[in-house]
Amino acid sequence: QLQLVESGGGLVQPGGSLRLSCAASGFTADYYSIGWFRQAPGKERAGVSCISKGGDNAKYADSVKGRFTISRDNAKHTVYLQMNSLKPEDTAVYYCAADTVFGLCVLKSFRGYDRWGQGTQVTVSS
């Protein structure tokens, strides 16, 4: 079964760090771009970051540039999102998704992302 599983969420104080992981199983996610998205209560799901299949191209939402870093280890079939200098407004459920349709690293459209994980909660609060 094709599956993405996120982990690494939790409660952290403002200014703290977390590293999220997105592990793929049942399909070769190495062939696809992977994106991280988040959804806060009462808000629409929004793109956070994405990385191309080879890892040579990455994009970030303006709100996380300079604080978040995306990377991938294709040998482990895992994509990571290192989140530093966390702010309360980063609180959300974070999802990873694979674009198996177009193979593109994009943040403003969900069209190609047809494999989604179940999400992991990130709460930034003192």
PDB file of N, CA and C in Angstrom:
ATOM      1  N   GLN A   1       0.849  -1.192   0.000  1.00  0.00           N
ATOM      2  CA  GLN A   1       0.000   0.000   0.000  1.00  0.00           C
ATOM      3  C   GLN A   1       0.884   1.241   0.000  1.00  0.00           C
ATOM      4  N   LEU A   2       0.506   2.197  -0.830  1.00  0.00           N
ATOM      5  CA  LEU A   2       1.275   3.415  -0.940  1.00  0.00           C
ATOM      6  C   LEU A   2       0.996   4.287   0.270  1.00  0.00           C
ATOM      7  N   GLN A   3       2.033   4.681   0.978  1.00  0.00           N
ATOM      8  CA  GLN A   3       1.818   5.379   2.231  1.00  0.00           C
ATOM      9  C   GLN A   3       2.933   6.376   2.528  1.00  0.00           C
ATOM     10  N   LEU A   4       2.527   7.513   3.099  1.00  0.00           N
ATOM     11  CA  LEU A   4       3.458   8.480   3.658  1.00  0.00           C
ATOM     12  C   LEU A   4       3.120   8.634   5.133  1.00  0.00           C
ATOM     13  N   VAL A   5       4.126   8.636   5.971  1.00  0.00           N
ATOM     14  CA  VAL A   5       3.896   8.748   7.411  1.00  0.00           C
ATOM     15  C   VAL A   5       4.776   9.856   7.971  1.00  0.00           C
ATOM     16  N   GLU A   6       4.119  10.850   8.580  1.00  0.00           N
ATOM     17  CA  GLU A   6       4.846  11.952   9.198  1.00  0.00           C
ATOM     18  C   GLU A   6       5.116  11.628  10.670  1.00  0.00           C
ATOM     19  N   SER A   7       6.195  12.190  11.175  1.00  0.00           N
ATOM     20  CA  SER A   7       6.509  12.077  12.598  1.00  0.00           C
ATOM     21  C   SER A   7       7.366  13.269  12.997  1.00  0.00           C
ATOM     22  N   GLY A   8       7.510  13.447  14.306  1.00  0.00           N
ATOM     23  CA  GLY A   8       8.397  14.492  14.809  1.00  0.00           C
ATOM     24  C   GLY A   8       7.698  15.718  15.352  1.00  0.00           C
ATOM     25  N   GLY A   9       6.370  15.764  15.232  1.00  0.00           N
ATOM     26  CA  GLY A   9       5.654  16.903  15.781  1.00  0.00           C
ATOM     27  C   GLY A   9       5.643  16.880  17.300  1.00  0.00           C
ATOM     28  N   GLY A  10       5.145  17.978  17.869  1.00  0.00           N
ATOM     29  CA  GLY A  10       5.077  18.049  19.321  1.00  0.00           C
ATOM     30  C   GLY A  10       4.872  19.466  19.794  1.00  0.00           C
ATOM     31  N   LEU A  11       5.053  19.646  21.085  1.00  0.00           N
ATOM     32  CA  LEU A  11       4.922  20.955  21.719  1.00  0.00           C
ATOM     33  C   LEU A  11       6.310  21.538  21.944  1.00  0.00           C
ATOM     34  N   VAL A  12       6.503  22.769  21.522  1.00  0.00           N
ATOM     35  CA  VAL A  12       7.797  23.419  21.669  1.00  0.00           C
ATOM     36  C   VAL A  12       7.575  24.883  22.027  1.00  0.00           C
ATOM     37  N   GLN A  13       8.506  25.447  22.752  1.00  0.00           N
ATOM     38  CA  GLN A  13       8.406  26.864  23.114  1.00  0.00           C
ATOM     39  C   GLN A  13       8.817  27.745  21.941  1.00  0.00           C
ATOM     40  N   PRO A  14       8.327  28.961  21.913  1.00  0.00           N
ATOM     41  CA  PRO A  14       8.775  29.903  20.862  1.00  0.00           C
ATOM     42  C   PRO A  14      10.292  30.020  20.856  1.00  0.00           C
ATOM     43  N   GLY A  15      10.840  30.019  19.650  1.00  0.00           N
ATOM     44  CA  GLY A  15      12.283  30.054  19.489  1.00  0.00           C
ATOM     45  C   GLY A  15      12.915  28.677  19.419  1.00  0.00           C
ATOM     46  N   GLY A  16      12.144  27.653  19.714  1.00  0.00           N
ATOM     47  CA  GLY A  16      12.664  26.293  19.710  1.00  0.00           C
ATOM     48  C   GLY A  16      12.705  25.678  18.324  1.00  0.00           C
ATOM     49  N   SER A  17      13.087  24.405  18.269  1.00  0.00           N
ATOM     50  CA  SER A  17      13.252  23.695  17.004  1.00  0.00           C
ATOM     51  C   SER A  17      12.567  22.336  17.047  1.00  0.00           C
ATOM     52  N   LEU A  18      12.168  21.892  15.885  1.00  0.00           N
ATOM     53  CA  LEU A  18      11.654  20.540  15.680  1.00  0.00           C
ATOM     54  C   LEU A  18      12.117  20.059  14.317  1.00  0.00           C
ATOM     55  N   ARG A  19      12.260  18.748  14.174  1.00  0.00           N
ATOM     56  CA  ARG A  19      12.513  18.175  12.865  1.00  0.00           C
ATOM     57  C   ARG A  19      11.417  17.183  12.537  1.00  0.00           C
ATOM     58  N   LEU A  20      10.705  17.464  11.474  1.00  0.00           N
ATOM     59  CA  LEU A  20       9.663  16.557  11.004  1.00  0.00           C
ATOM     60  C   LEU A  20      10.247  15.589   9.982  1.00  0.00           C
ATOM     61  N   SER A  21       9.717  14.373   9.996  1.00  0.00           N
ATOM     62  CA  SER A  21      10.122  13.355   9.027  1.00  0.00           C
ATOM     63  C   SER A  21       8.902  12.883   8.250  1.00  0.00           C
ATOM     64  N   CYS A  22       9.126  12.561   7.007  1.00  0.00           N
ATOM     65  CA  CYS A  22       8.084  12.021   6.136  1.00  0.00           C
ATOM     66  C   CYS A  22       8.663  10.767   5.497  1.00  0.00           C
ATOM     67  N   ALA A  23       8.203   9.611   5.976  1.00  0.00           N
ATOM     68  CA  ALA A  23       8.732   8.339   5.499  1.00  0.00           C
ATOM     69  C   ALA A  23       7.767   7.714   4.512  1.00  0.00           C
ATOM     70  N   ALA A  24       8.291   7.265   3.381  1.00  0.00           N
ATOM     71  CA  ALA A  24       7.469   6.653   2.333  1.00  0.00           C
ATOM     72  C   ALA A  24       7.613   5.142   2.362  1.00  0.00           C
ATOM     73  N   SER A  25       6.507   4.473   2.100  1.00  0.00           N
ATOM     74  CA  SER A  25       6.538   3.021   1.981  1.00  0.00           C
ATOM     75  C   SER A  25       5.543   2.597   0.916  1.00  0.00           C
ATOM     76  N   GLY A  26       5.828   1.473   0.301  1.00  0.00           N
ATOM     77  CA  GLY A  26       4.910   0.941  -0.693  1.00  0.00           C
ATOM     78  C   GLY A  26       5.061   1.547  -2.067  1.00  0.00           C
ATOM     79  N   PHE A  27       5.906   2.560  -2.210  1.00  0.00           N
ATOM     80  CA  PHE A  27       6.163   3.121  -3.528  1.00  0.00           C
ATOM     81  C   PHE A  27       7.495   3.861  -3.465  1.00  0.00           C
ATOM     82  N   THR A  28       8.029   4.094  -4.641  1.00  0.00           N
ATOM     83  CA  THR A  28       9.349   4.720  -4.696  1.00  0.00           C
ATOM     84  C   THR A  28       9.184   6.230  -4.726  1.00  0.00           C
ATOM     85  N   ALA A  29       9.100   6.804  -3.526  1.00  0.00           N
ATOM     86  CA  ALA A  29       8.915   8.250  -3.419  1.00  0.00           C
ATOM     87  C   ALA A  29      10.111   9.006  -3.957  1.00  0.00           C
ATOM     88  N   ASP A  30      11.242   8.306  -4.105  1.00  0.00           N
ATOM     89  CA  ASP A  30      12.444   8.968  -4.618  1.00  0.00           C
ATOM     90  C   ASP A  30      12.197   9.560  -5.997  1.00  0.00           C
ATOM     91  N   TYR A  31      11.199   9.035  -6.725  1.00  0.00           N
ATOM     92  CA  TYR A  31      10.939   9.497  -8.088  1.00  0.00           C
ATOM     93  C   TYR A  31      10.121  10.778  -8.124  1.00  0.00           C
ATOM     94  N   TYR A  32       9.675  11.243  -6.952  1.00  0.00           N
ATOM     95  CA  TYR A  32       8.693  12.329  -6.938  1.00  0.00           C
ATOM     96  C   TYR A  32       9.138  13.486  -6.077  1.00  0.00           C
ATOM     97  N   SER A  33       8.636  14.654  -6.436  1.00  0.00           N
ATOM     98  CA  SER A  33       8.791  15.792  -5.541  1.00  0.00           C
ATOM     99  C   SER A  33       7.911  15.582  -4.320  1.00  0.00           C
ATOM    100  N   ILE A  34       8.388  16.071  -3.198  1.00  0.00           N
ATOM    101  CA  ILE A  34       7.659  15.967  -1.939  1.00  0.00           C
ATOM    102  C   ILE A  34       7.440  17.363  -1.391  1.00  0.00           C
ATOM    103  N   GLY A  35       6.245  17.598  -0.924  1.00  0.00           N
ATOM    104  CA  GLY A  35       5.923  18.894  -0.336  1.00  0.00           C
ATOM    105  C   GLY A  35       5.477  18.762   1.106  1.00  0.00           C
ATOM    106  N   TRP A  36       5.730  19.801   1.859  1.00  0.00           N
ATOM    107  CA  TRP A  36       5.192  19.925   3.221  1.00  0.00           C
ATOM    108  C   TRP A  36       4.132  21.023   3.208  1.00  0.00           C
ATOM    109  N   PHE A  37       3.011  20.732   3.826  1.00  0.00           N
ATOM    110  CA  PHE A  37       1.900  21.664   3.906  1.00  0.00           C
ATOM    111  C   PHE A  37       1.450  21.736   5.360  1.00  0.00           C
ATOM    112  N   ARG A  38       0.739  22.792   5.703  1.00  0.00           N
ATOM    113  CA  ARG A  38       0.233  22.891   7.065  1.00  0.00           C
ATOM    114  C   ARG A  38      -1.155  23.510   7.049  1.00  0.00           C
ATOM    115  N   GLN A  39      -1.898  23.147   8.091  1.00  0.00           N
ATOM    116  CA  GLN A  39      -3.249  23.684   8.241  1.00  0.00           C
ATOM    117  C   GLN A  39      -3.471  24.033   9.701  1.00  0.00           C
ATOM    118  N   ALA A  40      -3.701  25.309   9.937  1.00  0.00           N
ATOM    119  CA  ALA A  40      -4.004  25.783  11.284  1.00  0.00           C
ATOM    120  C   ALA A  40      -5.513  25.808  11.473  1.00  0.00           C
ATOM    121  N   PRO A  41      -5.994  25.756  12.698  1.00  0.00           N
ATOM    122  CA  PRO A  41      -7.442  25.778  12.932  1.00  0.00           C
ATOM    123  C   PRO A  41      -8.092  26.996  12.288  1.00  0.00           C
ATOM    124  N   GLY A  42      -9.149  26.735  11.533  1.00  0.00           N
ATOM    125  CA  GLY A  42      -9.888  27.816  10.904  1.00  0.00           C
ATOM    126  C   GLY A  42      -9.248  28.404   9.671  1.00  0.00           C
ATOM    127  N   LYS A  43      -8.127  27.809   9.244  1.00  0.00           N
ATOM    128  CA  LYS A  43      -7.437  28.327   8.064  1.00  0.00           C
ATOM    129  C   LYS A  43      -7.327  27.263   7.000  1.00  0.00           C
ATOM    130  N   GLU A  44      -7.083  27.686   5.786  1.00  0.00           N
ATOM    131  CA  GLU A  44      -6.921  26.744   4.684  1.00  0.00           C
ATOM    132  C   GLU A  44      -5.521  26.127   4.727  1.00  0.00           C
ATOM    133  N   ARG A  45      -5.435  24.939   4.155  1.00  0.00           N
ATOM    134  CA  ARG A  45      -4.129  24.283   4.041  1.00  0.00           C
ATOM    135  C   ARG A  45      -3.229  25.118   3.138  1.00  0.00           C
ATOM    136  N   ALA A  46      -1.971  25.253   3.521  1.00  0.00           N
ATOM    137  CA  ALA A  46      -1.041  26.099   2.776  1.00  0.00           C
ATOM    138  C   ALA A  46       0.298  25.393   2.607  1.00  0.00           C
ATOM    139  N   GLY A  47       0.947  25.700   1.500  1.00  0.00           N
ATOM    140  CA  GLY A  47       2.256  25.122   1.243  1.00  0.00           C
ATOM    141  C   GLY A  47       3.327  25.735   2.116  1.00  0.00           C
ATOM    142  N   VAL A  48       4.235  24.900   2.604  1.00  0.00           N
ATOM    143  CA  VAL A  48       5.325  25.350   3.447  1.00  0.00           C
ATOM    144  C   VAL A  48       6.659  25.245   2.708  1.00  0.00           C
ATOM    145  N   SER A  49       6.903  24.076   2.152  1.00  0.00           N
ATOM    146  CA  SER A  49       8.170  23.839   1.465  1.00  0.00           C
ATOM    147  C   SER A  49       8.017  22.620   0.575  1.00  0.00           C
ATOM    148  N   CYS A  50       8.847  22.540  -0.460  1.00  0.00           N
ATOM    149  CA  CYS A  50       8.868  21.351  -1.294  1.00  0.00           C
ATOM    150  C   CYS A  50      10.284  21.128  -1.795  1.00  0.00           C
ATOM    151  N   ILE A  51      10.534  19.890  -2.213  1.00  0.00           N
ATOM    152  CA  ILE A  51      11.858  19.523  -2.696  1.00  0.00           C
ATOM    153  C   ILE A  51      11.711  18.620  -3.893  1.00  0.00           C
ATOM    154  N   SER A  52      12.558  18.839  -4.888  1.00  0.00           N
ATOM    155  CA  SER A  52      12.504  18.027  -6.108  1.00  0.00           C
ATOM    156  C   SER A  52      12.997  16.610  -5.823  1.00  0.00           C
ATOM    157  N   LYS A  53      12.753  15.711  -6.770  1.00  0.00           N
ATOM    158  CA  LYS A  53      13.086  14.316  -6.536  1.00  0.00           C
ATOM    159  C   LYS A  53      14.579  14.106  -6.322  1.00  0.00           C
ATOM    160  N   GLY A  54      15.395  14.907  -7.008  1.00  0.00           N
ATOM    161  CA  GLY A  54      16.832  14.773  -6.838  1.00  0.00           C
ATOM    162  C   GLY A  54      17.391  15.559  -5.674  1.00  0.00           C
ATOM    163  N   GLY A  55      16.545  16.383  -5.076  1.00  0.00           N
ATOM    164  CA  GLY A  55      16.975  17.190  -3.943  1.00  0.00           C
ATOM    165  C   GLY A  55      17.732  18.443  -4.321  1.00  0.00           C
ATOM    166  N   ASP A  56      17.798  18.759  -5.613  1.00  0.00           N
ATOM    167  CA  ASP A  56      18.587  19.907  -6.047  1.00  0.00           C
ATOM    168  C   ASP A  56      17.782  21.178  -6.161  1.00  0.00           C
ATOM    169  N   ASN A  57      16.491  21.088  -5.943  1.00  0.00           N
ATOM    170  CA  ASN A  57      15.634  22.268  -6.019  1.00  0.00           C
ATOM    171  C   ASN A  57      14.677  22.245  -4.841  1.00  0.00           C
ATOM    172  N   ALA A  58      14.614  23.351  -4.123  1.00  0.00           N
ATOM    173  CA  ALA A  58      13.709  23.460  -2.981  1.00  0.00           C
ATOM    174  C   ALA A  58      13.040  24.825  -2.997  1.00  0.00           C
ATOM    175  N   LYS A  59      11.838  24.873  -2.488  1.00  0.00           N
ATOM    176  CA  LYS A  59      11.106  26.132  -2.390  1.00  0.00           C
ATOM    177  C   LYS A  59      10.540  26.274  -0.987  1.00  0.00           C
ATOM    178  N   TYR A  60      10.348  27.526  -0.586  1.00  0.00           N
ATOM    179  CA  TYR A  60       9.836  27.811   0.747  1.00  0.00           C
ATOM    180  C   TYR A  60       8.788  28.910   0.680  1.00  0.00           C
ATOM    181  N   ALA A  61       7.803  28.814   1.538  1.00  0.00           N
ATOM    182  CA  ALA A  61       6.874  29.917   1.716  1.00  0.00           C
ATOM    183  C   ALA A  61       7.629  31.085   2.344  1.00  0.00           C
ATOM    184  N   ASP A  62       7.213  32.294   2.018  1.00  0.00           N
ATOM    185  CA  ASP A  62       7.903  33.481   2.541  1.00  0.00           C
ATOM    186  C   ASP A  62       7.928  33.478   4.075  1.00  0.00           C
ATOM    187  N   SER A  63       6.884  32.951   4.669  1.00  0.00           N
ATOM    188  CA  SER A  63       6.761  32.995   6.127  1.00  0.00           C
ATOM    189  C   SER A  63       7.774  32.107   6.847  1.00  0.00           C
ATOM    190  N   VAL A  64       8.406  31.179   6.127  1.00  0.00           N
ATOM    191  CA  VAL A  64       9.343  30.257   6.786  1.00  0.00           C
ATOM    192  C   VAL A  64      10.758  30.361   6.240  1.00  0.00           C
ATOM    193  N   LYS A  65      10.956  31.186   5.227  1.00  0.00           N
ATOM    194  CA  LYS A  65      12.290  31.323   4.647  1.00  0.00           C
ATOM    195  C   LYS A  65      13.302  31.760   5.710  1.00  0.00           C
ATOM    196  N   GLY A  66      14.454  31.101   5.687  1.00  0.00           N
ATOM    197  CA  GLY A  66      15.494  31.413   6.653  1.00  0.00           C
ATOM    198  C   GLY A  66      15.339  30.702   7.979  1.00  0.00           C
ATOM    199  N   ARG A  67      14.197  30.066   8.202  1.00  0.00           N
ATOM    200  CA  ARG A  67      13.961  29.353   9.462  1.00  0.00           C
ATOM    201  C   ARG A  67      13.805  27.854   9.245  1.00  0.00           C
ATOM    202  N   PHE A  68      13.202  27.462   8.129  1.00  0.00           N
ATOM    203  CA  PHE A  68      12.950  26.050   7.838  1.00  0.00           C
ATOM    204  C   PHE A  68      13.894  25.585   6.736  1.00  0.00           C
ATOM    205  N   THR A  69      14.293  24.332   6.811  1.00  0.00           N
ATOM    206  CA  THR A  69      15.125  23.718   5.787  1.00  0.00           C
ATOM    207  C   THR A  69      14.575  22.339   5.450  1.00  0.00           C
ATOM    208  N   ILE A  70      14.349  22.109   4.161  1.00  0.00           N
ATOM    209  CA  ILE A  70      13.871  20.811   3.703  1.00  0.00           C
ATOM    210  C   ILE A  70      15.038  20.026   3.129  1.00  0.00           C
ATOM    211  N   SER A  71      15.025  18.722   3.337  1.00  0.00           N
ATOM    212  CA  SER A  71      16.064  17.860   2.791  1.00  0.00           C
ATOM    213  C   SER A  71      15.474  16.477   2.582  1.00  0.00           C
ATOM    214  N   ARG A  72      16.194  15.646   1.848  1.00  0.00           N
ATOM    215  CA  ARG A  72      15.709  14.293   1.649  1.00  0.00           C
ATOM    216  C   ARG A  72      16.875  13.327   1.632  1.00  0.00           C
ATOM    217  N   ASP A  73      16.597  12.128   2.098  1.00  0.00           N
ATOM    218  CA  ASP A  73      17.549  11.029   2.073  1.00  0.00           C
ATOM    219  C   ASP A  73      16.872   9.904   1.299  1.00  0.00           C
ATOM    220  N   ASN A  74      17.154   9.813   0.026  1.00  0.00           N
ATOM    221  CA  ASN A  74      16.475   8.830  -0.807  1.00  0.00           C
ATOM    222  C   ASN A  74      16.846   7.392  -0.427  1.00  0.00           C
ATOM    223  N   ALA A  75      17.987   7.217   0.157  1.00  0.00           N
ATOM    224  CA  ALA A  75      18.372   5.869   0.604  1.00  0.00           C
ATOM    225  C   ALA A  75      17.445   5.397   1.722  1.00  0.00           C
ATOM    226  N   LYS A  76      16.932   6.350   2.486  1.00  0.00           N
ATOM    227  CA  LYS A  76      16.009   6.017   3.573  1.00  0.00           C
ATOM    228  C   LYS A  76      14.563   6.310   3.198  1.00  0.00           C
ATOM    229  N   HIS A  77      14.335   6.766   1.968  1.00  0.00           N
ATOM    230  CA  HIS A  77      12.978   7.087   1.497  1.00  0.00           C
ATOM    231  C   HIS A  77      12.294   8.064   2.443  1.00  0.00           C
ATOM    232  N   THR A  78      13.028   9.058   2.888  1.00  0.00           N
ATOM    233  CA  THR A  78      12.523   9.984   3.899  1.00  0.00           C
ATOM    234  C   THR A  78      12.867  11.418   3.520  1.00  0.00           C
ATOM    235  N   VAL A  79      11.907  12.293   3.762  1.00  0.00           N
ATOM    236  CA  VAL A  79      12.100  13.732   3.587  1.00  0.00           C
ATOM    237  C   VAL A  79      11.965  14.384   4.955  1.00  0.00           C
ATOM    238  N   TYR A  80      12.819  15.359   5.213  1.00  0.00           N
ATOM    239  CA  TYR A  80      12.849  16.027   6.512  1.00  0.00           C
ATOM    240  C   TYR A  80      12.494  17.501   6.366  1.00  0.00           C
ATOM    241  N   LEU A  81      11.933  18.041   7.421  1.00  0.00           N
ATOM    242  CA  LEU A  81      11.705  19.481   7.509  1.00  0.00           C
ATOM    243  C   LEU A  81      12.269  19.941   8.853  1.00  0.00           C
ATOM    244  N   GLN A  82      13.425  20.596   8.794  1.00  0.00           N
ATOM    245  CA  GLN A  82      14.033  21.153   9.993  1.00  0.00           C
ATOM    246  C   GLN A  82      13.432  22.529  10.237  1.00  0.00           C
ATOM    247  N   MET A  83      12.837  22.696  11.399  1.00  0.00           N
ATOM    248  CA  MET A  83      12.149  23.951  11.715  1.00  0.00           C
ATOM    249  C   MET A  83      12.836  24.597  12.913  1.00  0.00           C
ATOM    250  N   ASN A  84      13.413  25.751  12.673  1.00  0.00           N
ATOM    251  CA  ASN A  84      14.103  26.500  13.725  1.00  0.00           C
ATOM    252  C   ASN A  84      13.391  27.819  13.990  1.00  0.00           C
ATOM    253  N   SER A  85      13.721  28.435  15.104  1.00  0.00           N
ATOM    254  CA  SER A  85      13.142  29.736  15.473  1.00  0.00           C
ATOM    255  C   SER A  85      11.622  29.716  15.341  1.00  0.00           C
ATOM    256  N   LEU A  86      11.021  28.692  15.888  1.00  0.00           N
ATOM    257  CA  LEU A  86       9.576  28.522  15.742  1.00  0.00           C
ATOM    258  C   LEU A  86       8.799  29.632  16.430  1.00  0.00           C
ATOM    259  N   LYS A  87       7.684  29.976  15.816  1.00  0.00           N
ATOM    260  CA  LYS A  87       6.812  31.039  16.308  1.00  0.00           C
ATOM    261  C   LYS A  87       5.428  30.453  16.600  1.00  0.00           C
ATOM    262  N   PRO A  88       4.669  31.096  17.440  1.00  0.00           N
ATOM    263  CA  PRO A  88       3.302  30.595  17.698  1.00  0.00           C
ATOM    264  C   PRO A  88       2.475  30.451  16.425  1.00  0.00           C
ATOM    265  N   GLU A  89       2.718  31.314  15.451  1.00  0.00           N
ATOM    266  CA  GLU A  89       1.949  31.228  14.205  1.00  0.00           C
ATOM    267  C   GLU A  89       2.333  30.033  13.345  1.00  0.00           C
ATOM    268  N   ASP A  90       3.364  29.299  13.733  1.00  0.00           N
ATOM    269  CA  ASP A  90       3.704  28.056  13.040  1.00  0.00           C
ATOM    270  C   ASP A  90       2.857  26.875  13.539  1.00  0.00           C
ATOM    271  N   THR A  91       2.074  27.108  14.557  1.00  0.00           N
ATOM    272  CA  THR A  91       1.217  26.051  15.095  1.00  0.00           C
ATOM    273  C   THR A  91       0.217  25.584  14.039  1.00  0.00           C
ATOM    274  N   ALA A  92       0.222  24.297  13.778  1.00  0.00           N
ATOM    275  CA  ALA A  92      -0.649  23.730  12.740  1.00  0.00           C
ATOM    276  C   ALA A  92      -0.444  22.216  12.701  1.00  0.00           C
ATOM    277  N   VAL A  93      -1.305  21.568  11.949  1.00  0.00           N
ATOM    278  CA  VAL A  93      -1.043  20.171  11.569  1.00  0.00           C
ATOM    279  C   VAL A  93      -0.228  20.214  10.281  1.00  0.00           C
ATOM    280  N   TYR A  94       0.882  19.495  10.291  1.00  0.00           N
ATOM    281  CA  TYR A  94       1.772  19.480   9.141  1.00  0.00           C
ATOM    282  C   TYR A  94       1.608  18.161   8.388  1.00  0.00           C
ATOM    283  N   TYR A  95       1.468  18.282   7.085  1.00  0.00           N
ATOM    284  CA  TYR A  95       1.293  17.136   6.205  1.00  0.00           C
ATOM    285  C   TYR A  95       2.410  17.098   5.165  1.00  0.00           C
ATOM    286  N   CYS A  96       2.831  15.898   4.803  1.00  0.00           N
ATOM    287  CA  CYS A  96       3.690  15.768   3.635  1.00  0.00           C
ATOM    288  C   CYS A  96       2.878  15.103   2.530  1.00  0.00           C
ATOM    289  N   ALA A  97       3.268  15.374   1.303  1.00  0.00           N
ATOM    290  CA  ALA A  97       2.558  14.846   0.154  1.00  0.00           C
ATOM    291  C   ALA A  97       3.529  14.635  -0.990  1.00  0.00           C
ATOM    292  N   ALA A  98       3.226  13.652  -1.823  1.00  0.00           N
ATOM    293  CA  ALA A  98       4.052  13.353  -2.990  1.00  0.00           C
ATOM    294  C   ALA A  98       3.301  13.739  -4.257  1.00  0.00           C
ATOM    295  N   ASP A  99       4.001  14.430  -5.144  1.00  0.00           N
ATOM    296  CA  ASP A  99       3.420  14.758  -6.445  1.00  0.00           C
ATOM    297  C   ASP A  99       3.760  13.636  -7.416  1.00  0.00           C
ATOM    298  N   THR A 100       2.851  12.670  -7.539  1.00  0.00           N
ATOM    299  CA  THR A 100       3.085  11.556  -8.455  1.00  0.00           C
ATOM    300  C   THR A 100       2.446  11.801  -9.807  1.00  0.00           C
ATOM    301  N   VAL A 101       1.788  12.970  -9.963  1.00  0.00           N
ATOM    302  CA  VAL A 101       1.083  13.265 -11.218  1.00  0.00           C
ATOM    303  C   VAL A 101       1.983  14.068 -12.161  1.00  0.00           C
ATOM    304  N   PHE A 102       2.511  15.185 -11.660  1.00  0.00           N
ATOM    305  CA  PHE A 102       3.314  16.065 -12.504  1.00  0.00           C
ATOM    306  C   PHE A 102       4.803  16.036 -12.145  1.00  0.00           C
ATOM    307  N   GLY A 103       5.103  15.563 -10.946  1.00  0.00           N
ATOM    308  CA  GLY A 103       6.494  15.514 -10.519  1.00  0.00           C
ATOM    309  C   GLY A 103       7.105  16.878 -10.291  1.00  0.00           C
ATOM    310  N   LEU A 104       6.273  17.854  -9.896  1.00  0.00           N
ATOM    311  CA  LEU A 104       6.755  19.212  -9.745  1.00  0.00           C
ATOM    312  C   LEU A 104       6.874  19.594  -8.278  1.00  0.00           C
ATOM    313  N   CYS A 105       7.782  20.503  -8.017  1.00  0.00           N
ATOM    314  CA  CYS A 105       7.939  21.087  -6.672  1.00  0.00           C
ATOM    315  C   CYS A 105       7.234  22.436  -6.707  1.00  0.00           C
ATOM    316  N   VAL A 106       5.961  22.438  -6.268  1.00  0.00           N
ATOM    317  CA  VAL A 106       5.186  23.671  -6.253  1.00  0.00           C
ATOM    318  C   VAL A 106       4.475  23.778  -4.911  1.00  0.00           C
ATOM    319  N   LEU A 107       4.206  25.007  -4.514  1.00  0.00           N
ATOM    320  CA  LEU A 107       3.559  25.228  -3.225  1.00  0.00           C
ATOM    321  C   LEU A 107       2.168  25.829  -3.349  1.00  0.00           C
ATOM    322  N   LYS A 108       1.854  26.435  -4.483  1.00  0.00           N
ATOM    323  CA  LYS A 108       0.590  27.157  -4.589  1.00  0.00           C
ATOM    324  C   LYS A 108      -0.533  26.319  -5.172  1.00  0.00           C
ATOM    325  N   SER A 109      -0.237  25.089  -5.568  1.00  0.00           N
ATOM    326  CA  SER A 109      -1.262  24.214  -6.123  1.00  0.00           C
ATOM    327  C   SER A 109      -1.105  22.828  -5.527  1.00  0.00           C
ATOM    328  N   PHE A 110      -2.252  22.207  -5.253  1.00  0.00           N
ATOM    329  CA  PHE A 110      -2.229  20.846  -4.728  1.00  0.00           C
ATOM    330  C   PHE A 110      -2.496  19.802  -5.816  1.00  0.00           C
ATOM    331  N   ARG A 111      -2.661  20.251  -7.051  1.00  0.00           N
ATOM    332  CA  ARG A 111      -3.186  19.380  -8.089  1.00  0.00           C
ATOM    333  C   ARG A 111      -2.414  18.082  -8.255  1.00  0.00           C
ATOM    334  N   GLY A 112      -1.094  18.172  -8.205  1.00  0.00           N
ATOM    335  CA  GLY A 112      -0.301  16.979  -8.469  1.00  0.00           C
ATOM    336  C   GLY A 112      -0.062  16.109  -7.246  1.00  0.00           C
ATOM    337  N   TYR A 113      -0.367  16.632  -6.070  1.00  0.00           N
ATOM    338  CA  TYR A 113      -0.076  15.911  -4.832  1.00  0.00           C
ATOM    339  C   TYR A 113      -1.221  14.937  -4.541  1.00  0.00           C
ATOM    340  N   ASP A 114      -1.041  13.703  -4.925  1.00  0.00           N
ATOM    341  CA  ASP A 114      -2.116  12.735  -4.739  1.00  0.00           C
ATOM    342  C   ASP A 114      -1.811  11.671  -3.705  1.00  0.00           C
ATOM    343  N   ARG A 115      -0.692  11.781  -3.016  1.00  0.00           N
ATOM    344  CA  ARG A 115      -0.371  10.889  -1.898  1.00  0.00           C
ATOM    345  C   ARG A 115      -0.091  11.773  -0.693  1.00  0.00           C
ATOM    346  N   TRP A 116      -0.886  11.601   0.351  1.00  0.00           N
ATOM    347  CA  TRP A 116      -0.788  12.444   1.537  1.00  0.00           C
ATOM    348  C   TRP A 116      -0.592  11.588   2.777  1.00  0.00           C
ATOM    349  N   GLY A 117       0.157  12.124   3.726  1.00  0.00           N
ATOM    350  CA  GLY A 117       0.255  11.492   5.024  1.00  0.00           C
ATOM    351  C   GLY A 117      -0.918  11.905   5.898  1.00  0.00           C
ATOM    352  N   GLN A 118      -0.920  11.380   7.110  1.00  0.00           N
ATOM    353  CA  GLN A 118      -2.031  11.628   8.018  1.00  0.00           C
ATOM    354  C   GLN A 118      -1.860  12.912   8.831  1.00  0.00           C
ATOM    355  N   GLY A 119      -0.673  13.478   8.808  1.00  0.00           N
ATOM    356  CA  GLY A 119      -0.416  14.732   9.501  1.00  0.00           C
ATOM    357  C   GLY A 119       0.197  14.541  10.875  1.00  0.00           C
ATOM    358  N   THR A 120       0.946  15.544  11.301  1.00  0.00           N
ATOM    359  CA  THR A 120       1.526  15.546  12.641  1.00  0.00           C
ATOM    360  C   THR A 120       1.342  16.956  13.225  1.00  0.00           C
ATOM    361  N   GLN A 121       0.929  17.006  14.487  1.00  0.00           N
ATOM    362  CA  GLN A 121       0.622  18.280  15.126  1.00  0.00           C
ATOM    363  C   GLN A 121       1.898  18.955  15.616  1.00  0.00           C
ATOM    364  N   VAL A 122       2.015  20.239  15.286  1.00  0.00           N
ATOM    365  CA  VAL A 122       3.090  21.075  15.816  1.00  0.00           C
ATOM    366  C   VAL A 122       2.438  22.219  16.590  1.00  0.00           C
ATOM    367  N   THR A 123       2.793  22.346  17.847  1.00  0.00           N
ATOM    368  CA  THR A 123       2.253  23.406  18.683  1.00  0.00           C
ATOM    369  C   THR A 123       3.400  24.212  19.262  1.00  0.00           C
ATOM    370  N   VAL A 124       3.378  25.506  18.997  1.00  0.00           N
ATOM    371  CA  VAL A 124       4.421  26.401  19.502  1.00  0.00           C
ATOM    372  C   VAL A 124       3.773  27.321  20.532  1.00  0.00           C
ATOM    373  N   SER A 125       4.136  27.108  21.776  1.00  0.00           N
ATOM    374  CA  SER A 125       3.492  27.850  22.851  1.00  0.00           C
ATOM    375  C   SER A 125       4.384  27.852  24.077  1.00  0.00           C
ATOM    376  N   SER A 126       4.308  28.939  24.837  1.00  0.00           N
ATOM    377  CA  SER A 126       5.046  29.004  26.095  1.00  0.00           C
ATOM    378  C   SER A 126       4.159  28.552  27.256  1.00  0.00           C
TER     379      SER A 126
END
